[in-house]
Every structure is written in structure tokens, then in C-alpha cells.
Amino acid sequence: MPLTTTTIGAYPKPKQTPIQDWFLGTKSEEERKASKGLLSNWSPGAYEKALESAGADAEKLFLAAIKEVITDQVSAGIDVPTDGEVRRESYVLYQCRFLNGVSFKEVTHKSVRQGAFEADLPTIVAPISSKEIRMHLDWKSAQQFTKNPVKITLPGPMTITDSIANNYYDDMKKLGFDLALALNKEVKALVDAGCQYIQIDEPVFARKPDEAHSYGMENLERMMHGIPKEVQRVCHICCGYPNSLDSEGYKKADLDAYDRIASLVDDSTIDEVSLEDSHRHNDLNLLEKFTKTKVIFGFIDIAKSRMESVEEVRVRIKDSLEHIDEHRLIAAPDCGLGFFTREQAIEKMTILTKAAKSI
């Protein structure tokens, strides 16, 4: 049986997309290497100015870009594509625009991801609540372009907390609680719209496993409350992006991070957990710790321009299947494909699907 294939989130933005790609794909090599981290590529007002510049054509341009991204994935053989996060200047900051309590005018300098990088970020200045429900509309605009089920991605409470500044809450569990309640409205709207795959991104679980145990999973479950059994609850937990493609020695989560949260995930209501493996191979005994949860395993390195061979990926898949049931292993890249050119992304996905379909 060929394995199911999926992508994780970000995709290189087509040229007609009205907003800048937060991966800096259009910038020079010098500018990319000088970046202090992906979130540092954000600047106040840039998103609004870009949309204003596109004017009445903005939605038409977004739809053309989304169609291209969906078509690329499906044509490459991906079973469960994403919308490529085409509408988002950043998957976290985009979501924060639909929350009360987050100021994009009051910015605060902050170290992010255990010191991996730093940036001037939007700031929480009041209680968090839902301001606008948006993601079901994004999903509908992508789903119209394919018969394959489109997966939508949202940042989780711990990851939002770690990605913006906070000048209001003195209790991180309470902050996560309020974020979960607000985001749950997005989740329920997605369910009502017909979305079958809802992915919550919580890479900070790997950075802060103790906090994940203490309150992170509780708030993630709260965010996913009300998802019916027929809808897949997906959680993506990567170990960290570099600042640019082919960077060396960038800071990632600790080597034992997945081991420390495996039982937490497997005991939860999560149906599918997304883990990276290609950039930094795991001891495959890790897979045996997931006794009921499906594992979306990263067989493609998204931080390197080197193209894997189909045989290389196929061997790693076969080795993985020595440790997990075939019906519970899903093939994917480690994380989003945003660092690549369109041509590189298509080649990476095609390698993945050829390997997954040859098992």
C-alpha cells in the first residue's frame, strides 16, 4: 500500500501574491544571510501597505496564487495539500490580526525560540479574545481548486505566546487559555465549513517540553475542543527553522525533545502528529512510542537545497516501517517549503511522492 503524502504549511509565494514572503525568497543571498530570524523580517505596517498597493485586485491575485500552489502540490502527487499559507506574511502574525488584545502598533523587542533569534514584535496589551473568524474563508478559497482534501494550518497557543511580546498577562497558562478559547472559534468554523484536516502548529512544544506537559497540551486540547471524530486533529511539532536556506549550525530544539513529549501526544486526542526527521535523524525507536497516533514523518529536508534521491527517501521510509504500522505512517517534508524556489519545491515533493508510492 502506498503511503499517504502531505505537506506541512508554507510554500514559496507565487510572484503575483500581493504580500511579501516572510521567508525572504525574493531577497538577495546577502540579505537572507543577514536576517536575524524569520520573524525579524516582519515590519509594522508592511502588510497593510502591500494590500493597499494591490487595491481592488488583491483578492484576484491571491486566488491566482493559491490555485498555482494547490496545482503544484497535487500535480506532484501530494494527497493532502495545504493552501501554502499564501495569504500570510507570517503564519503566527496573520492569525494575531484576528485577535483582540494584540497591538501591531506597539512593538516590543524580544528574543524568540530560546534565543534562536530576536525581533521587534506585536505586543499583547489587553485580554485576548476573538475579533474576527477568518480561516474557514481561507480554506474555502483553496478547496475550490482541487478534489483532494485541503489541510488548513493554525498556530497553537504556546507558539503564539513565544512568537509575540506580552505586556499584559503574568500567567502563561491563563494567556494560553484565552488564546485557546479564541482560536477554538476558528476551529469550529472550519469544521462547519467542511474542512477535514485541521493542523495546529506547536513547534514550541519541542523547545519547552516541560511547559507542554504543564499546560501546553491542556490548552491545545481546549483549542481543538468540538472537532468531531471524522475530522483529523493534526499537530505539527518541528524543531526549528534556519534563517536562510543552507544555513549551518542554527539552533534547534534539544535532541531528546520528541522523546520527552511522545507519551503526552499519544495520550491526547491528537489523530496525527507531524515530526521532522530528515534534517536531523531520530532514533527510529521513537516511532514505537506512538501506539495509536498517526505520525507524519519528515522525509524531505526543507533547510537544504540538496535534492534527496528517491531511493534515499524510500530506504528511510522502509526503515521507519520497522517501527510503526504502515497505516499510521504519513510521508511529508520536515516542515514548510517556503525557502525554496517553485521549481525546487516541486522537485522535492515529487521525490517524496515517488518514494512513498513505491513502498
Protein backbone atom coordinates (compact mmCIF):
# COMPACT_ATOMS: atom_id res chain seq x y z
CA MET A 1 0.00 0.00 0.00
CA PRO A 2 1.47 3.40 -0.94
CA LEU A 3 1.78 5.83 1.96
CA THR A 4 -0.40 8.92 2.18
CA THR A 5 1.56 12.10 1.48
CA THR A 6 1.01 15.62 2.75
CA THR A 7 2.77 18.95 3.06
CA ILE A 8 3.10 20.91 6.28
CA GLY A 9 2.24 24.54 5.59
CA ALA A 10 4.25 27.26 3.88
CA TYR A 11 5.00 27.19 0.15
CA PRO A 12 7.06 29.64 -1.94
CA LYS A 13 4.77 32.53 -2.76
CA PRO A 14 3.96 32.95 -6.47
CA LYS A 15 5.13 36.24 -8.00
CA GLN A 16 1.60 37.63 -8.22
CA THR A 17 0.99 37.29 -4.45
CA PRO A 18 0.22 40.78 -3.06
CA ILE A 19 2.24 40.39 0.16
CA GLN A 20 5.91 39.75 0.84
CA ASP A 21 7.09 36.23 1.62
CA TRP A 22 8.37 36.12 5.21
CA PHE A 23 10.97 33.57 4.06
CA LEU A 24 12.69 36.35 2.08
CA GLY A 25 12.71 34.19 -1.03
CA THR A 26 12.84 37.27 -3.27
CA LYS A 27 15.76 38.86 -1.43
CA SER A 28 19.47 38.57 -2.25
CA GLU A 29 21.65 35.89 -0.66
CA GLU A 30 23.38 38.59 1.41
CA GLU A 31 20.06 39.91 2.73
CA ARG A 32 18.85 36.42 3.61
CA LYS A 33 22.04 35.52 5.46
CA ALA A 34 21.95 38.84 7.33
CA SER A 35 18.44 38.13 8.61
CA LYS A 36 18.18 37.80 12.40
CA GLY A 37 15.41 35.23 12.08
CA LEU A 38 12.20 34.71 10.18
CA LEU A 39 10.05 36.83 12.47
CA SER A 40 12.54 39.69 12.22
CA ASN A 41 11.55 40.00 8.56
CA TRP A 42 8.25 41.50 9.71
CA SER A 43 7.91 45.25 9.93
CA PRO A 44 4.96 47.31 11.24
CA GLY A 45 2.58 48.46 8.53
CA ALA A 46 4.19 46.50 5.68
CA TYR A 47 1.28 44.06 5.36
CA GLU A 48 -1.31 46.83 5.22
CA LYS A 49 0.73 48.83 2.70
CA ALA A 50 1.07 45.78 0.44
CA LEU A 51 -2.67 45.15 0.42
CA GLU A 52 -3.37 48.83 -0.15
CA SER A 53 -0.96 48.81 -3.09
CA ALA A 54 -2.74 45.82 -4.65
CA GLY A 55 -6.08 47.59 -4.21
CA ALA A 56 -9.16 46.03 -5.79
CA ASP A 57 -7.03 43.37 -7.49
CA ALA A 58 -5.77 41.87 -4.20
CA GLU A 59 -8.30 39.04 -3.93
CA LYS A 60 -7.96 38.10 -7.60
CA LEU A 61 -4.18 37.95 -7.18
CA PHE A 62 -4.44 35.85 -4.02
CA LEU A 63 -6.77 33.36 -5.71
CA ALA A 64 -4.47 33.02 -8.71
CA ALA A 65 -1.54 32.39 -6.38
CA ILE A 66 -3.46 29.84 -4.28
CA LYS A 67 -4.58 27.98 -7.40
CA GLU A 68 -0.95 27.75 -8.56
CA VAL A 69 0.20 26.45 -5.16
CA ILE A 70 -2.56 23.84 -4.91
CA THR A 71 -1.99 22.70 -8.51
CA ASP A 72 1.75 22.33 -7.90
CA GLN A 73 1.18 20.09 -4.88
CA VAL A 74 -1.50 17.89 -6.39
CA SER A 75 0.38 17.54 -9.69
CA ALA A 76 3.46 16.44 -7.73
CA GLY A 77 1.38 13.66 -6.15
CA ILE A 78 0.56 15.16 -2.74
CA ASP A 79 -2.62 13.59 -1.32
CA VAL A 80 -3.39 16.22 1.32
CA PRO A 81 -2.11 19.66 0.22
CA THR A 82 -2.24 22.91 2.19
CA ASP A 83 -3.15 26.39 0.94
CA GLY A 84 0.57 27.20 1.14
CA GLU A 85 -0.20 29.94 3.69
CA VAL A 86 -0.22 32.24 0.66
CA ARG A 87 -2.30 34.95 2.36
CA ARG A 88 0.00 35.20 5.36
CA GLU A 89 3.03 37.39 5.91
CA SER A 90 3.74 35.00 8.80
CA TYR A 91 1.61 32.10 9.96
CA VAL A 92 1.62 33.47 13.53
CA LEU A 93 1.24 37.19 12.91
CA TYR A 94 -1.53 36.67 10.34
CA GLN A 95 -3.60 34.84 12.96
CA CYS A 96 -2.90 37.51 15.55
CA ARG A 97 -4.55 40.11 13.32
CA PHE A 98 -7.88 38.47 14.11
CA LEU A 99 -7.47 38.70 17.89
CA ASN A 100 -8.45 41.47 20.28
CA GLY A 101 -5.69 42.41 22.69
CA VAL A 102 -2.75 42.29 20.25
CA SER A 103 -1.32 45.64 19.17
CA PHE A 104 0.54 45.84 15.86
CA LYS A 105 1.42 49.48 16.60
CA GLU A 106 3.03 48.85 19.99
CA VAL A 107 6.05 46.68 19.18
CA THR A 108 8.48 45.16 21.67
CA HIS A 109 11.96 43.74 21.10
CA LYS A 110 12.06 40.11 22.13
CA SER A 111 14.29 37.04 22.00
CA VAL A 112 12.39 34.11 20.45
CA ARG A 113 12.72 30.28 20.46
CA GLN A 114 15.14 30.05 23.39
CA GLY A 115 17.40 32.70 21.87
CA ALA A 116 17.42 31.28 18.34
CA PHE A 117 16.66 34.76 17.01
CA GLU A 118 15.23 38.13 18.02
CA ALA A 119 12.83 40.66 16.58
CA ASP A 120 10.60 43.68 17.17
CA LEU A 121 7.18 42.09 17.56
CA PRO A 122 3.50 42.94 18.04
CA THR A 123 2.56 43.16 21.70
CA ILE A 124 -0.25 41.82 23.85
CA VAL A 125 -1.65 44.87 25.65
CA ALA A 126 -5.13 43.69 26.75
CA PRO A 127 -7.15 40.49 27.29
CA ILE A 128 -7.12 38.14 24.31
CA SER A 129 -10.41 37.34 22.59
CA SER A 130 -11.66 36.57 19.11
CA LYS A 131 -12.11 39.64 16.89
CA GLU A 132 -12.79 38.05 13.50
CA ILE A 133 -13.27 34.47 12.26
CA ARG A 134 -11.25 34.10 9.09
CA MET A 135 -9.64 30.69 8.45
CA HIS A 136 -12.75 28.94 7.13
CA LEU A 137 -12.84 31.52 4.32
CA ASP A 138 -9.17 30.86 3.54
CA TRP A 139 -9.89 27.12 3.43
CA LYS A 140 -12.87 27.54 1.11
CA SER A 141 -10.85 29.68 -1.29
CA ALA A 142 -8.23 26.91 -1.52
CA GLN A 143 -10.53 23.88 -1.54
CA GLN A 144 -12.30 25.07 -4.69
CA PHE A 145 -9.18 24.28 -6.74
CA THR A 146 -8.91 20.54 -6.00
CA LYS A 147 -10.88 17.42 -5.17
CA ASN A 148 -8.15 16.43 -2.71
CA PRO A 149 -8.88 17.45 0.89
CA VAL A 150 -7.05 20.69 1.68
CA LYS A 151 -5.48 20.90 5.14
CA ILE A 152 -5.57 24.24 6.92
CA THR A 153 -2.93 25.26 9.45
CA LEU A 154 -3.19 27.45 12.55
CA PRO A 155 -0.60 28.37 15.20
CA GLY A 156 -1.22 26.95 18.67
CA PRO A 157 -1.36 28.89 21.95
CA MET A 158 2.20 28.17 23.14
CA THR A 159 3.69 29.03 19.77
CA ILE A 160 1.79 32.31 19.53
CA THR A 161 2.90 33.19 23.06
CA ASP A 162 6.54 32.56 22.15
CA SER A 163 6.28 34.46 18.86
CA ILE A 164 4.91 37.82 20.02
CA ALA A 165 5.55 40.07 23.01
CA ASN A 166 3.41 40.15 26.13
CA ASN A 167 2.94 43.25 28.28
CA TYR A 168 -0.34 42.21 29.88
CA TYR A 169 -0.50 38.64 31.22
CA ASP A 170 1.55 37.48 34.20
CA ASP A 171 0.34 33.87 33.92
CA MET A 172 1.35 31.95 30.77
CA LYS A 173 -1.27 29.25 31.36
CA LYS A 174 -4.00 31.89 31.52
CA LEU A 175 -2.67 33.53 28.35
CA GLY A 176 -2.74 30.15 26.63
CA PHE A 177 -6.26 29.54 27.95
CA ASP A 178 -7.57 32.78 26.44
CA LEU A 179 -5.77 32.12 23.14
CA ALA A 180 -7.24 28.60 23.03
CA LEU A 181 -10.78 29.88 23.55
CA ALA A 182 -10.36 32.47 20.79
CA LEU A 183 -8.76 30.02 18.36
CA ASN A 184 -11.39 27.38 19.08
CA LYS A 185 -13.89 29.64 17.32
CA GLU A 186 -11.73 29.38 14.19
CA VAL A 187 -11.56 25.60 14.55
CA LYS A 188 -15.33 25.24 14.90
CA ALA A 189 -15.93 27.46 11.87
CA LEU A 190 -13.55 25.26 9.85
CA VAL A 191 -15.48 22.15 10.92
CA ASP A 192 -18.80 23.76 10.00
CA ALA A 193 -17.37 24.74 6.60
CA GLY A 194 -16.40 21.13 5.86
CA CYS A 195 -12.62 21.11 6.42
CA GLN A 196 -11.43 17.54 7.10
CA TYR A 197 -7.83 18.23 8.18
CA ILE A 198 -7.10 20.88 10.82
CA GLN A 199 -3.45 21.24 11.75
CA ILE A 200 -2.31 23.12 14.85
CA ASP A 201 1.36 24.14 14.74
CA GLU A 202 3.10 23.86 18.11
CA PRO A 203 6.86 23.78 17.45
CA VAL A 204 7.38 25.37 20.87
CA PHE A 205 6.37 22.01 22.42
CA ALA A 206 9.79 20.79 21.28
CA ARG A 207 11.52 23.89 22.65
CA LYS A 208 9.72 23.79 26.01
CA PRO A 209 8.64 20.21 26.77
CA ASP A 210 8.16 20.90 30.49
CA GLU A 211 5.70 23.70 29.74
CA ALA A 212 3.99 21.46 27.17
CA HIS A 213 3.36 18.95 29.95
CA SER A 214 2.39 21.59 32.50
CA TYR A 215 -0.21 23.48 30.47
CA GLY A 216 0.57 23.44 26.74
CA MET A 217 -1.27 20.25 25.84
CA GLU A 218 -4.22 21.20 28.03
CA ASN A 219 -4.63 24.44 26.09
CA LEU A 220 -4.07 22.71 22.75
CA GLU A 221 -6.86 20.27 23.61
CA ARG A 222 -9.03 23.25 24.55
CA MET A 223 -8.33 24.84 21.16
CA MET A 224 -9.38 21.59 19.41
CA HIS A 225 -12.49 21.07 21.52
CA GLY A 226 -15.54 20.17 19.47
CA ILE A 227 -13.75 18.64 16.48
CA PRO A 228 -15.81 15.55 15.50
CA LYS A 229 -14.15 12.15 15.07
CA GLU A 230 -14.36 12.24 11.28
CA VAL A 231 -12.18 15.37 11.15
CA GLN A 232 -8.45 14.79 11.61
CA ARG A 233 -6.83 16.62 14.52
CA VAL A 234 -3.26 17.25 13.41
CA CYS A 235 -0.41 18.77 15.42
CA HIS A 236 2.86 19.83 13.81
CA ILE A 237 5.96 19.94 16.05
CA CYS A 238 9.17 20.82 14.22
CA CYS A 239 12.49 21.61 15.88
CA GLY A 240 13.29 24.96 14.29
CA TYR A 241 13.91 26.87 11.06
CA PRO A 242 17.27 28.31 9.98
CA ASN A 243 17.44 31.97 8.95
CA SER A 244 18.07 31.04 5.32
CA LEU A 245 18.43 28.07 3.04
CA ASP A 246 21.64 26.05 3.54
CA SER A 247 22.50 27.80 6.81
CA GLU A 248 24.79 25.79 9.09
CA GLY A 249 24.79 25.36 12.85
CA TYR A 250 21.48 27.09 13.59
CA LYS A 251 19.82 26.47 16.95
CA LYS A 252 17.27 23.67 17.11
CA ALA A 253 15.30 22.04 19.91
CA ASP A 254 17.15 19.59 22.15
CA LEU A 255 17.82 16.11 20.79
CA ASP A 256 15.59 14.44 23.36
CA ALA A 257 12.63 16.82 22.87
CA TYR A 258 10.42 14.35 20.98
CA ASP A 259 11.10 11.59 23.49
CA ARG A 260 10.05 13.90 26.32
CA ILE A 261 6.64 14.69 24.77
CA ALA A 262 5.85 11.42 22.92
CA SER A 263 3.62 9.98 25.67
CA LEU A 264 1.95 13.36 26.14
CA VAL A 265 0.97 13.38 22.48
CA ASP A 266 -0.01 9.72 22.32
CA ASP A 267 -2.28 10.09 25.37
CA SER A 268 -4.05 13.11 23.84
CA THR A 269 -6.90 13.30 21.33
CA ILE A 270 -4.48 14.22 18.52
CA ASP A 271 -5.00 11.95 15.50
CA GLU A 272 -1.80 12.84 13.60
CA VAL A 273 1.46 14.31 14.88
CA SER A 274 3.99 15.83 12.47
CA LEU A 275 7.66 15.33 13.39
CA GLU A 276 10.81 16.25 11.50
CA ASP A 277 13.37 13.55 10.75
CA SER A 278 15.24 14.43 7.57
CA HIS A 279 17.44 17.30 8.73
CA ARG A 280 18.37 15.53 11.97
CA HIS A 281 17.54 11.83 12.04
CA ASN A 282 15.76 10.45 15.08
CA ASP A 283 16.39 7.09 16.70
CA LEU A 284 13.54 5.28 14.96
CA ASN A 285 12.56 3.63 18.23
CA LEU A 286 10.83 6.97 18.81
CA LEU A 287 8.07 5.81 16.46
CA GLU A 288 7.27 2.90 18.77
CA LYS A 289 6.26 5.38 21.47
CA PHE A 290 3.23 6.35 19.37
CA THR A 291 0.92 3.42 19.86
CA LYS A 292 -2.27 4.93 18.46
CA THR A 293 -1.32 8.30 16.95
CA LYS A 294 -0.52 8.51 13.24
CA VAL A 295 2.92 10.00 12.59
CA ILE A 296 3.55 12.45 9.74
CA PHE A 297 7.30 11.92 9.35
CA GLY A 298 9.64 14.35 7.63
CA PHE A 299 11.46 12.54 4.84
CA ILE A 300 12.49 15.70 2.95
CA ASP A 301 14.92 18.32 4.29
CA ILE A 302 13.42 21.80 3.92
CA ALA A 303 16.59 23.60 5.08
CA LYS A 304 18.90 22.27 2.36
CA SER A 305 18.87 22.84 -1.40
CA ARG A 306 20.41 19.41 -1.99
CA MET A 307 17.89 17.10 -3.61
CA GLU A 308 17.39 13.74 -1.96
CA SER A 309 17.26 10.71 -4.23
CA VAL A 310 14.04 8.71 -4.46
CA GLU A 311 15.94 5.65 -3.24
CA GLU A 312 17.34 7.52 -0.24
CA VAL A 313 13.84 8.52 0.86
CA ARG A 314 12.41 5.08 0.11
CA VAL A 315 15.05 3.41 2.32
CA ARG A 316 14.27 5.74 5.22
CA ILE A 317 10.55 5.02 4.82
CA LYS A 318 11.17 1.28 4.83
CA ASP A 319 13.38 1.59 7.92
CA SER A 320 10.64 3.59 9.64
CA LEU A 321 8.06 0.92 8.85
CA GLU A 322 10.06 -1.47 11.03
CA HIS A 323 8.85 0.62 13.98
CA ILE A 324 5.28 1.71 13.18
CA ASP A 325 2.21 0.26 11.50
CA GLU A 326 2.02 1.08 7.82
CA HIS A 327 -1.43 2.66 8.10
CA ARG A 328 -0.13 5.06 10.78
CA LEU A 329 2.84 6.46 8.84
CA ILE A 330 2.36 9.50 6.58
CA ALA A 331 5.14 10.90 4.39
CA ALA A 332 5.88 14.63 4.32
CA PRO A 333 8.68 17.21 4.28
CA ASP A 334 10.11 18.18 7.68
CA CYS A 335 8.26 21.49 7.67
CA GLY A 336 7.12 24.19 5.24
CA LEU A 337 8.69 24.55 1.79
CA GLY A 338 8.95 28.33 1.88
CA PHE A 339 12.73 28.60 1.46
CA PHE A 340 12.70 27.02 -1.99
CA THR A 341 12.04 28.34 -5.43
CA ARG A 342 8.89 26.97 -7.04
CA GLU A 343 10.97 24.57 -9.12
CA GLN A 344 12.88 23.28 -6.09
CA ALA A 345 9.66 22.76 -4.11
CA ILE A 346 8.09 20.78 -6.96
CA GLU A 347 11.19 18.61 -7.29
CA LYS A 348 11.33 17.94 -3.53
CA MET A 349 7.63 16.98 -3.43
CA THR A 350 7.97 14.75 -6.50
CA ILE A 351 10.87 12.86 -4.92
CA LEU A 352 8.79 12.38 -1.77
CA THR A 353 5.71 11.08 -3.54
CA LYS A 354 7.65 8.75 -5.86
CA ALA A 355 9.31 7.18 -2.85
CA ALA A 356 6.09 6.95 -0.82
CA LYS A 357 4.13 5.40 -3.68
CA SER A 358 6.84 2.78 -4.35
CA ILE A 359 6.63 1.11 -0.93
